[in-house]
Amino acid sequence: MIPLYYYLVLSAAMFSIGALGMLTTRNAIKLLMCIELMLNAANINLVAFSRYLGNIDGQVFATFIISIAAAEVAVGLAIVLTIYRVHGTIDFQKIKEMRW
């Protein structure tokens, strides 16, 4: 059995990569991917602690988070496509105002 420490280190690394990506990227698609990476890091923590403690609560909660994240991606991509159609770019630095 793999120790809990390995899962926590993996989760911390994934969360750090996602947070660094959110701070440095200007592309909307990359920003959405970084948010998903951070959500998946939280899911790894939930499942690892659920397995370590011997109950199923963390796994059920992670399943709900995955389903909500799928809906969030669908809405986020729809917003990004609308912004691209209106402004012609998805670079957040070039879009000065979000008014139509």
PDB file of N, CA and C in Angstrom:
ATOM      1  N   MET A   1       0.836  -1.179   0.000  1.00  0.00           N
ATOM      2  CA  MET A   1       0.000   0.000   0.000  1.00  0.00           C
ATOM      3  C   MET A   1       0.889   1.254   0.000  1.00  0.00           C
ATOM      4  N   ILE A   2       0.517   2.205  -0.817  1.00  0.00           N
ATOM      5  CA  ILE A   2       1.285   3.442  -0.930  1.00  0.00           C
ATOM      6  C   ILE A   2       0.972   4.332   0.277  1.00  0.00           C
ATOM      7  N   PRO A   3       1.994   4.897   0.914  1.00  0.00           N
ATOM      8  CA  PRO A   3       1.737   5.742   2.088  1.00  0.00           C
ATOM      9  C   PRO A   3       0.974   7.026   1.731  1.00  0.00           C
ATOM     10  N   LEU A   4       0.287   7.549   2.720  1.00  0.00           N
ATOM     11  CA  LEU A   4      -0.504   8.769   2.548  1.00  0.00           C
ATOM     12  C   LEU A   4       0.378   9.948   2.152  1.00  0.00           C
ATOM     13  N   TYR A   5       1.601   9.954   2.628  1.00  0.00           N
ATOM     14  CA  TYR A   5       2.524  11.062   2.358  1.00  0.00           C
ATOM     15  C   TYR A   5       2.721  11.270   0.853  1.00  0.00           C
ATOM     16  N   TYR A   6       2.811  10.199   0.090  1.00  0.00           N
ATOM     17  CA  TYR A   6       3.028  10.316  -1.355  1.00  0.00           C
ATOM     18  C   TYR A   6       1.848  11.005  -2.036  1.00  0.00           C
ATOM     19  N   TYR A   7       0.645  10.667  -1.632  1.00  0.00           N
ATOM     20  CA  TYR A   7      -0.538  11.306  -2.208  1.00  0.00           C
ATOM     21  C   TYR A   7      -0.585  12.794  -1.859  1.00  0.00           C
ATOM     22  N   LEU A   8      -0.211  13.127  -0.634  1.00  0.00           N
ATOM     23  CA  LEU A   8      -0.222  14.528  -0.229  1.00  0.00           C
ATOM     24  C   LEU A   8       0.836  15.340  -0.971  1.00  0.00           C
ATOM     25  N   VAL A   9       1.989  14.753  -1.213  1.00  0.00           N
ATOM     26  CA  VAL A   9       3.033  15.443  -1.976  1.00  0.00           C
ATOM     27  C   VAL A   9       2.585  15.630  -3.421  1.00  0.00           C
ATOM     28  N   LEU A  10       1.978  14.609  -4.016  1.00  0.00           N
ATOM     29  CA  LEU A  10       1.462  14.725  -5.376  1.00  0.00           C
ATOM     30  C   LEU A  10       0.396  15.811  -5.464  1.00  0.00           C
ATOM     31  N   SER A  11      -0.493  15.826  -4.496  1.00  0.00           N
ATOM     32  CA  SER A  11      -1.557  16.828  -4.477  1.00  0.00           C
ATOM     33  C   SER A  11      -0.999  18.236  -4.291  1.00  0.00           C
ATOM     34  N   ALA A  12      -0.037  18.388  -3.426  1.00  0.00           N
ATOM     35  CA  ALA A  12       0.574  19.706  -3.221  1.00  0.00           C
ATOM     36  C   ALA A  12       1.297  20.176  -4.477  1.00  0.00           C
ATOM     37  N   ALA A  13       1.964  19.266  -5.168  1.00  0.00           N
ATOM     38  CA  ALA A  13       2.652  19.632  -6.405  1.00  0.00           C
ATOM     39  C   ALA A  13       1.649  20.050  -7.480  1.00  0.00           C
ATOM     40  N   MET A  14       0.562  19.282  -7.610  1.00  0.00           N
ATOM     41  CA  MET A  14      -0.457  19.626  -8.603  1.00  0.00           C
ATOM     42  C   MET A  14      -1.102  20.966  -8.286  1.00  0.00           C
ATOM     43  N   PHE A  15      -1.404  21.207  -7.027  1.00  0.00           N
ATOM     44  CA  PHE A  15      -2.022  22.473  -6.638  1.00  0.00           C
ATOM     45  C   PHE A  15      -1.063  23.637  -6.881  1.00  0.00           C
ATOM     46  N   SER A  16       0.216  23.436  -6.591  1.00  0.00           N
ATOM     47  CA  SER A  16       1.204  24.495  -6.809  1.00  0.00           C
ATOM     48  C   SER A  16       1.359  24.813  -8.291  1.00  0.00           C
ATOM     49  N   ILE A  17       1.361  23.793  -9.132  1.00  0.00           N
ATOM     50  CA  ILE A  17       1.455  24.018 -10.580  1.00  0.00           C
ATOM     51  C   ILE A  17       0.223  24.769 -11.074  1.00  0.00           C
ATOM     52  N   GLY A  18      -0.959  24.398 -10.571  1.00  0.00           N
ATOM     53  CA  GLY A  18      -2.179  25.103 -10.965  1.00  0.00           C
ATOM     54  C   GLY A  18      -2.189  26.544 -10.496  1.00  0.00           C
ATOM     55  N   ALA A  19      -1.741  26.785  -9.268  1.00  0.00           N
ATOM     56  CA  ALA A  19      -1.710  28.156  -8.750  1.00  0.00           C
ATOM     57  C   ALA A  19      -0.684  29.002  -9.503  1.00  0.00           C
ATOM     58  N   LEU A  20       0.470  28.436  -9.802  1.00  0.00           N
ATOM     59  CA  LEU A  20       1.474  29.157 -10.575  1.00  0.00           C
ATOM     60  C   LEU A  20       0.961  29.470 -11.981  1.00  0.00           C
ATOM     61  N   GLY A  21       0.263  28.529 -12.566  1.00  0.00           N
ATOM     62  CA  GLY A  21      -0.318  28.758 -13.883  1.00  0.00           C
ATOM     63  C   GLY A  21      -1.366  29.850 -13.872  1.00  0.00           C
ATOM     64  N   MET A  22      -2.167  29.891 -12.819  1.00  0.00           N
ATOM     65  CA  MET A  22      -3.190  30.939 -12.720  1.00  0.00           C
ATOM     66  C   MET A  22      -2.552  32.317 -12.576  1.00  0.00           C
ATOM     67  N   LEU A  23      -1.436  32.387 -11.888  1.00  0.00           N
ATOM     68  CA  LEU A  23      -0.791  33.678 -11.674  1.00  0.00           C
ATOM     69  C   LEU A  23      -0.016  34.168 -12.890  1.00  0.00           C
ATOM     70  N   THR A  24       0.435  33.259 -13.747  1.00  0.00           N
ATOM     71  CA  THR A  24       1.297  33.661 -14.845  1.00  0.00           C
ATOM     72  C   THR A  24       0.627  33.672 -16.210  1.00  0.00           C
ATOM     73  N   THR A  25      -0.494  32.999 -16.389  1.00  0.00           N
ATOM     74  CA  THR A  25      -1.082  32.899 -17.724  1.00  0.00           C
ATOM     75  C   THR A  25      -2.030  34.053 -18.008  1.00  0.00           C
ATOM     76  N   ARG A  26      -2.154  34.352 -19.295  1.00  0.00           N
ATOM     77  CA  ARG A  26      -3.102  35.371 -19.723  1.00  0.00           C
ATOM     78  C   ARG A  26      -4.165  34.774 -20.635  1.00  0.00           C
ATOM     79  N   ASN A  27      -3.998  33.530 -21.012  1.00  0.00           N
ATOM     80  CA  ASN A  27      -4.919  32.857 -21.900  1.00  0.00           C
ATOM     81  C   ASN A  27      -6.075  32.259 -21.093  1.00  0.00           C
ATOM     82  N   ALA A  28      -7.293  32.456 -21.567  1.00  0.00           N
ATOM     83  CA  ALA A  28      -8.466  32.006 -20.820  1.00  0.00           C
ATOM     84  C   ALA A  28      -8.560  30.483 -20.768  1.00  0.00           C
ATOM     85  N   ILE A  29      -8.189  29.805 -21.823  1.00  0.00           N
ATOM     86  CA  ILE A  29      -8.256  28.341 -21.839  1.00  0.00           C
ATOM     87  C   ILE A  29      -7.247  27.763 -20.851  1.00  0.00           C
ATOM     88  N   LYS A  30      -6.041  28.306 -20.839  1.00  0.00           N
ATOM     89  CA  LYS A  30      -5.036  27.842 -19.876  1.00  0.00           C
ATOM     90  C   LYS A  30      -5.476  28.126 -18.448  1.00  0.00           C
ATOM     91  N   LEU A  31      -6.156  29.238 -18.237  1.00  0.00           N
ATOM     92  CA  LEU A  31      -6.657  29.575 -16.912  1.00  0.00           C
ATOM     93  C   LEU A  31      -7.679  28.548 -16.439  1.00  0.00           C
ATOM     94  N   LEU A  32      -8.588  28.143 -17.331  1.00  0.00           N
ATOM     95  CA  LEU A  32      -9.564  27.110 -16.976  1.00  0.00           C
ATOM     96  C   LEU A  32      -8.887  25.779 -16.667  1.00  0.00           C
ATOM     97  N   MET A  33      -7.848  25.448 -17.426  1.00  0.00           N
ATOM     98  CA  MET A  33      -7.138  24.193 -17.170  1.00  0.00           C
ATOM     99  C   MET A  33      -6.417  24.236 -15.825  1.00  0.00           C
ATOM    100  N   CYS A  34      -5.880  25.395 -15.446  1.00  0.00           N
ATOM    101  CA  CYS A  34      -5.211  25.525 -14.147  1.00  0.00           C
ATOM    102  C   CYS A  34      -6.203  25.394 -13.000  1.00  0.00           C
ATOM    103  N   ILE A  35      -7.398  25.942 -13.188  1.00  0.00           N
ATOM    104  CA  ILE A  35      -8.438  25.796 -12.164  1.00  0.00           C
ATOM    105  C   ILE A  35      -8.818  24.328 -11.997  1.00  0.00           C
ATOM    106  N   GLU A  36      -8.943  23.614 -13.109  1.00  0.00           N
ATOM    107  CA  GLU A  36      -9.263  22.190 -13.046  1.00  0.00           C
ATOM    108  C   GLU A  36      -8.148  21.394 -12.377  1.00  0.00           C
ATOM    109  N   LEU A  37      -6.911  21.782 -12.629  1.00  0.00           N
ATOM    110  CA  LEU A  37      -5.784  21.109 -11.995  1.00  0.00           C
ATOM    111  C   LEU A  37      -5.834  21.285 -10.482  1.00  0.00           C
ATOM    112  N   MET A  38      -6.193  22.476 -10.031  1.00  0.00           N
ATOM    113  CA  MET A  38      -6.305  22.722  -8.593  1.00  0.00           C
ATOM    114  C   MET A  38      -7.469  21.942  -7.984  1.00  0.00           C
ATOM    115  N   LEU A  39      -8.592  21.845  -8.704  1.00  0.00           N
ATOM    116  CA  LEU A  39      -9.722  21.046  -8.210  1.00  0.00           C
ATOM    117  C   LEU A  39      -9.357  19.563  -8.110  1.00  0.00           C
ATOM    118  N   ASN A  40      -8.606  19.068  -9.088  1.00  0.00           N
ATOM    119  CA  ASN A  40      -8.200  17.665  -9.043  1.00  0.00           C
ATOM    120  C   ASN A  40      -7.202  17.397  -7.927  1.00  0.00           C
ATOM    121  N   ALA A  41      -6.393  18.378  -7.587  1.00  0.00           N
ATOM    122  CA  ALA A  41      -5.494  18.220  -6.441  1.00  0.00           C
ATOM    123  C   ALA A  41      -6.295  18.088  -5.152  1.00  0.00           C
ATOM    124  N   ALA A  42      -7.350  18.875  -5.024  1.00  0.00           N
ATOM    125  CA  ALA A  42      -8.218  18.753  -3.849  1.00  0.00           C
ATOM    126  C   ALA A  42      -8.909  17.398  -3.830  1.00  0.00           C
ATOM    127  N   ASN A  43      -9.304  16.888  -4.995  1.00  0.00           N
ATOM    128  CA  ASN A  43      -9.939  15.573  -5.066  1.00  0.00           C
ATOM    129  C   ASN A  43      -8.983  14.465  -4.640  1.00  0.00           C
ATOM    130  N   ILE A  44      -7.723  14.581  -5.024  1.00  0.00           N
ATOM    131  CA  ILE A  44      -6.740  13.580  -4.602  1.00  0.00           C
ATOM    132  C   ILE A  44      -6.617  13.579  -3.082  1.00  0.00           C
ATOM    133  N   ASN A  45      -6.612  14.762  -2.470  1.00  0.00           N
ATOM    134  CA  ASN A  45      -6.575  14.832  -1.005  1.00  0.00           C
ATOM    135  C   ASN A  45      -7.790  14.172  -0.384  1.00  0.00           C
ATOM    136  N   LEU A  46      -8.965  14.465  -0.909  1.00  0.00           N
ATOM    137  CA  LEU A  46     -10.189  13.882  -0.356  1.00  0.00           C
ATOM    138  C   LEU A  46     -10.178  12.359  -0.437  1.00  0.00           C
ATOM    139  N   VAL A  47      -9.811  11.834  -1.582  1.00  0.00           N
ATOM    140  CA  VAL A  47      -9.809  10.382  -1.765  1.00  0.00           C
ATOM    141  C   VAL A  47      -8.708   9.735  -0.929  1.00  0.00           C
ATOM    142  N   ALA A  48      -7.549  10.367  -0.831  1.00  0.00           N
ATOM    143  CA  ALA A  48      -6.456   9.795  -0.043  1.00  0.00           C
ATOM    144  C   ALA A  48      -6.820   9.735   1.443  1.00  0.00           C
ATOM    145  N   PHE A  49      -7.386  10.821   1.967  1.00  0.00           N
ATOM    146  CA  PHE A  49      -7.779  10.795   3.380  1.00  0.00           C
ATOM    147  C   PHE A  49      -8.957   9.859   3.620  1.00  0.00           C
ATOM    148  N   SER A  50      -9.841   9.744   2.642  1.00  0.00           N
ATOM    149  CA  SER A  50     -10.954   8.806   2.770  1.00  0.00           C
ATOM    150  C   SER A  50     -10.445   7.370   2.868  1.00  0.00           C
ATOM    151  N   ARG A  51      -9.488   7.052   2.033  1.00  0.00           N
ATOM    152  CA  ARG A  51      -8.905   5.703   2.074  1.00  0.00           C
ATOM    153  C   ARG A  51      -8.118   5.500   3.364  1.00  0.00           C
ATOM    154  N   TYR A  52      -7.407   6.519   3.803  1.00  0.00           N
ATOM    155  CA  TYR A  52      -6.592   6.404   5.015  1.00  0.00           C
ATOM    156  C   TYR A  52      -7.462   6.221   6.259  1.00  0.00           C
ATOM    157  N   LEU A  53      -8.581   6.954   6.318  1.00  0.00           N
ATOM    158  CA  LEU A  53      -9.455   6.871   7.486  1.00  0.00           C
ATOM    159  C   LEU A  53     -10.440   5.718   7.422  1.00  0.00           C
ATOM    160  N   GLY A  54     -10.614   5.139   6.252  1.00  0.00           N
ATOM    161  CA  GLY A  54     -11.465   3.959   6.134  1.00  0.00           C
ATOM    162  C   GLY A  54     -12.945   4.254   5.958  1.00  0.00           C
ATOM    163  N   ASN A  55     -13.319   5.465   5.606  1.00  0.00           N
ATOM    164  CA  ASN A  55     -14.726   5.747   5.321  1.00  0.00           C
ATOM    165  C   ASN A  55     -14.857   6.208   3.878  1.00  0.00           C
ATOM    166  N   ILE A  56     -16.082   6.288   3.400  1.00  0.00           N
ATOM    167  CA  ILE A  56     -16.333   6.570   1.991  1.00  0.00           C
ATOM    168  C   ILE A  56     -16.763   8.011   1.765  1.00  0.00           C
ATOM    169  N   ASP A  57     -16.856   8.804   2.800  1.00  0.00           N
ATOM    170  CA  ASP A  57     -17.368  10.175   2.675  1.00  0.00           C
ATOM    171  C   ASP A  57     -16.534  11.029   1.722  1.00  0.00           C
ATOM    172  N   GLY A  58     -15.227  10.951   1.801  1.00  0.00           N
ATOM    173  CA  GLY A  58     -14.369  11.739   0.931  1.00  0.00           C
ATOM    174  C   GLY A  58     -14.505  11.353  -0.529  1.00  0.00           C
ATOM    175  N   GLN A  59     -14.705  10.066  -0.794  1.00  0.00           N
ATOM    176  CA  GLN A  59     -14.863   9.604  -2.172  1.00  0.00           C
ATOM    177  C   GLN A  59     -16.189  10.075  -2.761  1.00  0.00           C
ATOM    178  N   VAL A  60     -17.233  10.079  -1.954  1.00  0.00           N
ATOM    179  CA  VAL A  60     -18.529  10.575  -2.423  1.00  0.00           C
ATOM    180  C   VAL A  60     -18.452  12.069  -2.693  1.00  0.00           C
ATOM    181  N   PHE A  61     -17.804  12.797  -1.802  1.00  0.00           N
ATOM    182  CA  PHE A  61     -17.661  14.242  -1.987  1.00  0.00           C
ATOM    183  C   PHE A  61     -16.821  14.552  -3.228  1.00  0.00           C
ATOM    184  N   ALA A  62     -15.772  13.755  -3.483  1.00  0.00           N
ATOM    185  CA  ALA A  62     -14.947  13.946  -4.676  1.00  0.00           C
ATOM    186  C   ALA A  62     -15.756  13.693  -5.948  1.00  0.00           C
ATOM    187  N   THR A  63     -16.670  12.737  -5.908  1.00  0.00           N
ATOM    188  CA  THR A  63     -17.532  12.477  -7.063  1.00  0.00           C
ATOM    189  C   THR A  63     -18.432  13.667  -7.348  1.00  0.00           C
ATOM    190  N   PHE A  64     -18.977  14.278  -6.308  1.00  0.00           N
ATOM    191  CA  PHE A  64     -19.792  15.480  -6.501  1.00  0.00           C
ATOM    192  C   PHE A  64     -18.949  16.629  -7.063  1.00  0.00           C
ATOM    193  N   ILE A  65     -17.733  16.774  -6.594  1.00  0.00           N
ATOM    194  CA  ILE A  65     -16.857  17.833  -7.090  1.00  0.00           C
ATOM    195  C   ILE A  65     -16.540  17.616  -8.565  1.00  0.00           C
ATOM    196  N   ILE A  66     -16.328  16.379  -8.976  1.00  0.00           N
ATOM    197  CA  ILE A  66     -16.034  16.090 -10.380  1.00  0.00           C
ATOM    198  C   ILE A  66     -17.222  16.445 -11.255  1.00  0.00           C
ATOM    199  N   SER A  67     -18.431  16.129 -10.807  1.00  0.00           N
ATOM    200  CA  SER A  67     -19.610  16.457 -11.619  1.00  0.00           C
ATOM    201  C   SER A  67     -19.833  17.966 -11.689  1.00  0.00           C
ATOM    202  N   ILE A  68     -19.610  18.671 -10.622  1.00  0.00           N
ATOM    203  CA  ILE A  68     -19.756  20.128 -10.639  1.00  0.00           C
ATOM    204  C   ILE A  68     -18.650  20.762 -11.477  1.00  0.00           C
ATOM    205  N   ALA A  69     -17.450  20.199 -11.446  1.00  0.00           N
ATOM    206  CA  ALA A  69     -16.355  20.722 -12.261  1.00  0.00           C
ATOM    207  C   ALA A  69     -16.643  20.556 -13.749  1.00  0.00           C
ATOM    208  N   ALA A  70     -17.311  19.471 -14.123  1.00  0.00           N
ATOM    209  CA  ALA A  70     -17.677  19.285 -15.530  1.00  0.00           C
ATOM    210  C   ALA A  70     -18.657  20.359 -15.975  1.00  0.00           C
ATOM    211  N   ALA A  71     -19.618  20.691 -15.133  1.00  0.00           N
ATOM    212  CA  ALA A  71     -20.558  21.764 -15.463  1.00  0.00           C
ATOM    213  C   ALA A  71     -19.846  23.110 -15.511  1.00  0.00           C
ATOM    214  N   GLU A  72     -18.902  23.313 -14.613  1.00  0.00           N
ATOM    215  CA  GLU A  72     -18.143  24.573 -14.595  1.00  0.00           C
ATOM    216  C   GLU A  72     -17.323  24.740 -15.868  1.00  0.00           C
ATOM    217  N   VAL A  73     -16.749  23.675 -16.367  1.00  0.00           N
ATOM    218  CA  VAL A  73     -15.979  23.747 -17.603  1.00  0.00           C
ATOM    219  C   VAL A  73     -16.886  24.068 -18.779  1.00  0.00           C
ATOM    220  N   ALA A  74     -18.064  23.475 -18.825  1.00  0.00           N
ATOM    221  CA  ALA A  74     -18.993  23.752 -19.928  1.00  0.00           C
ATOM    222  C   ALA A  74     -19.403  25.222 -19.934  1.00  0.00           C
ATOM    223  N   VAL A  75     -19.725  25.763 -18.776  1.00  0.00           N
ATOM    224  CA  VAL A  75     -20.110  27.177 -18.692  1.00  0.00           C
ATOM    225  C   VAL A  75     -18.911  28.072 -18.983  1.00  0.00           C
ATOM    226  N   GLY A  76     -17.752  27.731 -18.468  1.00  0.00           N
ATOM    227  CA  GLY A  76     -16.557  28.527 -18.708  1.00  0.00           C
ATOM    228  C   GLY A  76     -16.173  28.566 -20.173  1.00  0.00           C
ATOM    229  N   LEU A  77     -16.250  27.429 -20.855  1.00  0.00           N
ATOM    230  CA  LEU A  77     -15.929  27.416 -22.277  1.00  0.00           C
ATOM    231  C   LEU A  77     -16.955  28.197 -23.096  1.00  0.00           C
ATOM    232  N   ALA A  78     -18.211  28.159 -22.690  1.00  0.00           N
ATOM    233  CA  ALA A  78     -19.226  28.956 -23.382  1.00  0.00           C
ATOM    234  C   ALA A  78     -18.931  30.447 -23.227  1.00  0.00           C
ATOM    235  N   ILE A  79     -18.530  30.857 -22.038  1.00  0.00           N
ATOM    236  CA  ILE A  79     -18.184  32.267 -21.813  1.00  0.00           C
ATOM    237  C   ILE A  79     -16.953  32.651 -22.624  1.00  0.00           C
ATOM    238  N   VAL A  80     -15.949  31.790 -22.669  1.00  0.00           N
ATOM    239  CA  VAL A  80     -14.730  32.074 -23.429  1.00  0.00           C
ATOM    240  C   VAL A  80     -15.051  32.180 -24.922  1.00  0.00           C
ATOM    241  N   LEU A  81     -15.894  31.304 -25.436  1.00  0.00           N
ATOM    242  CA  LEU A  81     -16.270  31.382 -26.848  1.00  0.00           C
ATOM    243  C   LEU A  81     -17.016  32.675 -27.160  1.00  0.00           C
ATOM    244  N   THR A  82     -17.876  33.097 -26.257  1.00  0.00           N
ATOM    245  CA  THR A  82     -18.591  34.361 -26.458  1.00  0.00           C
ATOM    246  C   THR A  82     -17.629  35.545 -26.433  1.00  0.00           C
ATOM    247  N   ILE A  83     -16.688  35.534 -25.517  1.00  0.00           N
ATOM    248  CA  ILE A  83     -15.686  36.604 -25.461  1.00  0.00           C
ATOM    249  C   ILE A  83     -14.849  36.612 -26.733  1.00  0.00           C
ATOM    250  N   TYR A  84     -14.504  35.448 -27.244  1.00  0.00           N
ATOM    251  CA  TYR A  84     -13.718  35.386 -28.474  1.00  0.00           C
ATOM    252  C   TYR A  84     -14.510  35.926 -29.663  1.00  0.00           C
ATOM    253  N   ARG A  85     -15.778  35.594 -29.726  1.00  0.00           N
ATOM    254  CA  ARG A  85     -16.602  36.094 -30.834  1.00  0.00           C
ATOM    255  C   ARG A  85     -16.750  37.611 -30.792  1.00  0.00           C
ATOM    256  N   VAL A  86     -16.854  38.178 -29.609  1.00  0.00           N
ATOM    257  CA  VAL A  86     -17.049  39.621 -29.490  1.00  0.00           C
ATOM    258  C   VAL A  86     -15.737  40.387 -29.667  1.00  0.00           C
ATOM    259  N   HIS A  87     -14.681  39.951 -28.982  1.00  0.00           N
ATOM    260  CA  HIS A  87     -13.434  40.708 -28.950  1.00  0.00           C
ATOM    261  C   HIS A  87     -12.374  40.193 -29.925  1.00  0.00           C
ATOM    262  N   GLY A  88     -12.506  38.972 -30.409  1.00  0.00           N
ATOM    263  CA  GLY A  88     -11.527  38.430 -31.337  1.00  0.00           C
ATOM    264  C   GLY A  88     -10.281  37.878 -30.683  1.00  0.00           C
ATOM    265  N   THR A  89     -10.232  37.832 -29.354  1.00  0.00           N
ATOM    266  CA  THR A  89      -9.082  37.293 -28.633  1.00  0.00           C
ATOM    267  C   THR A  89      -9.559  36.723 -27.295  1.00  0.00           C
ATOM    268  N   ILE A  90      -8.743  35.827 -26.753  1.00  0.00           N
ATOM    269  CA  ILE A  90      -9.046  35.307 -25.415  1.00  0.00           C
ATOM    270  C   ILE A  90      -7.953  35.681 -24.423  1.00  0.00           C
ATOM    271  N   ASP A  91      -7.119  36.625 -24.809  1.00  0.00           N
ATOM    272  CA  ASP A  91      -6.067  37.142 -23.936  1.00  0.00           C
ATOM    273  C   ASP A  91      -6.676  38.171 -22.986  1.00  0.00           C
ATOM    274  N   PHE A  92      -6.624  37.882 -21.692  1.00  0.00           N
ATOM    275  CA  PHE A  92      -7.267  38.755 -20.709  1.00  0.00           C
ATOM    276  C   PHE A  92      -6.613  40.125 -20.612  1.00  0.00           C
ATOM    277  N   GLN A  93      -5.345  40.229 -20.947  1.00  0.00           N
ATOM    278  CA  GLN A  93      -4.667  41.520 -20.888  1.00  0.00           C
ATOM    279  C   GLN A  93      -5.129  42.458 -22.000  1.00  0.00           C
ATOM    280  N   LYS A  94      -5.536  41.885 -23.134  1.00  0.00           N
ATOM    281  CA  LYS A  94      -5.968  42.717 -24.260  1.00  0.00           C
ATOM    282  C   LYS A  94      -7.424  43.143 -24.140  1.00  0.00           C
ATOM    283  N   ILE A  95      -8.193  42.423 -23.366  1.00  0.00           N
ATOM    284  CA  ILE A  95      -9.599  42.772 -23.181  1.00  0.00           C
ATOM    285  C   ILE A  95      -9.666  43.759 -22.023  1.00  0.00           C
ATOM    286  N   LYS A  96      -9.955  44.997 -22.304  1.00  0.00           N
ATOM    287  CA  LYS A  96      -9.932  46.033 -21.274  1.00  0.00           C
ATOM    288  C   LYS A  96     -11.240  46.100 -20.493  1.00  0.00           C
ATOM    289  N   GLU A  97     -12.343  45.903 -21.159  1.00  0.00           N
ATOM    290  CA  GLU A  97     -13.620  45.990 -20.455  1.00  0.00           C
ATOM    291  C   GLU A  97     -14.516  44.862 -20.942  1.00  0.00           C
ATOM    292  N   MET A  98     -15.390  44.409 -20.064  1.00  0.00           N
ATOM    293  CA  MET A  98     -16.255  43.291 -20.382  1.00  0.00           C
ATOM    294  C   MET A  98     -17.652  43.734 -20.813  1.00  0.00           C
ATOM    295  N   ARG A  99     -17.841  45.033 -21.013  1.00  0.00           N
ATOM    296  CA  ARG A  99     -19.134  45.517 -21.480  1.00  0.00           C
ATOM    297  C   ARG A  99     -19.280  45.248 -22.957  1.00  0.00           C
ATOM    298  N   TRP A 100     -20.521  45.128 -23.418  1.00  0.00           N
ATOM    299  CA  TRP A 100     -20.786  44.866 -24.826  1.00  0.00           C
ATOM    300  C   TRP A 100     -20.954  46.174 -25.501  1.00  0.00           C
TER     301      TRP A 100
END
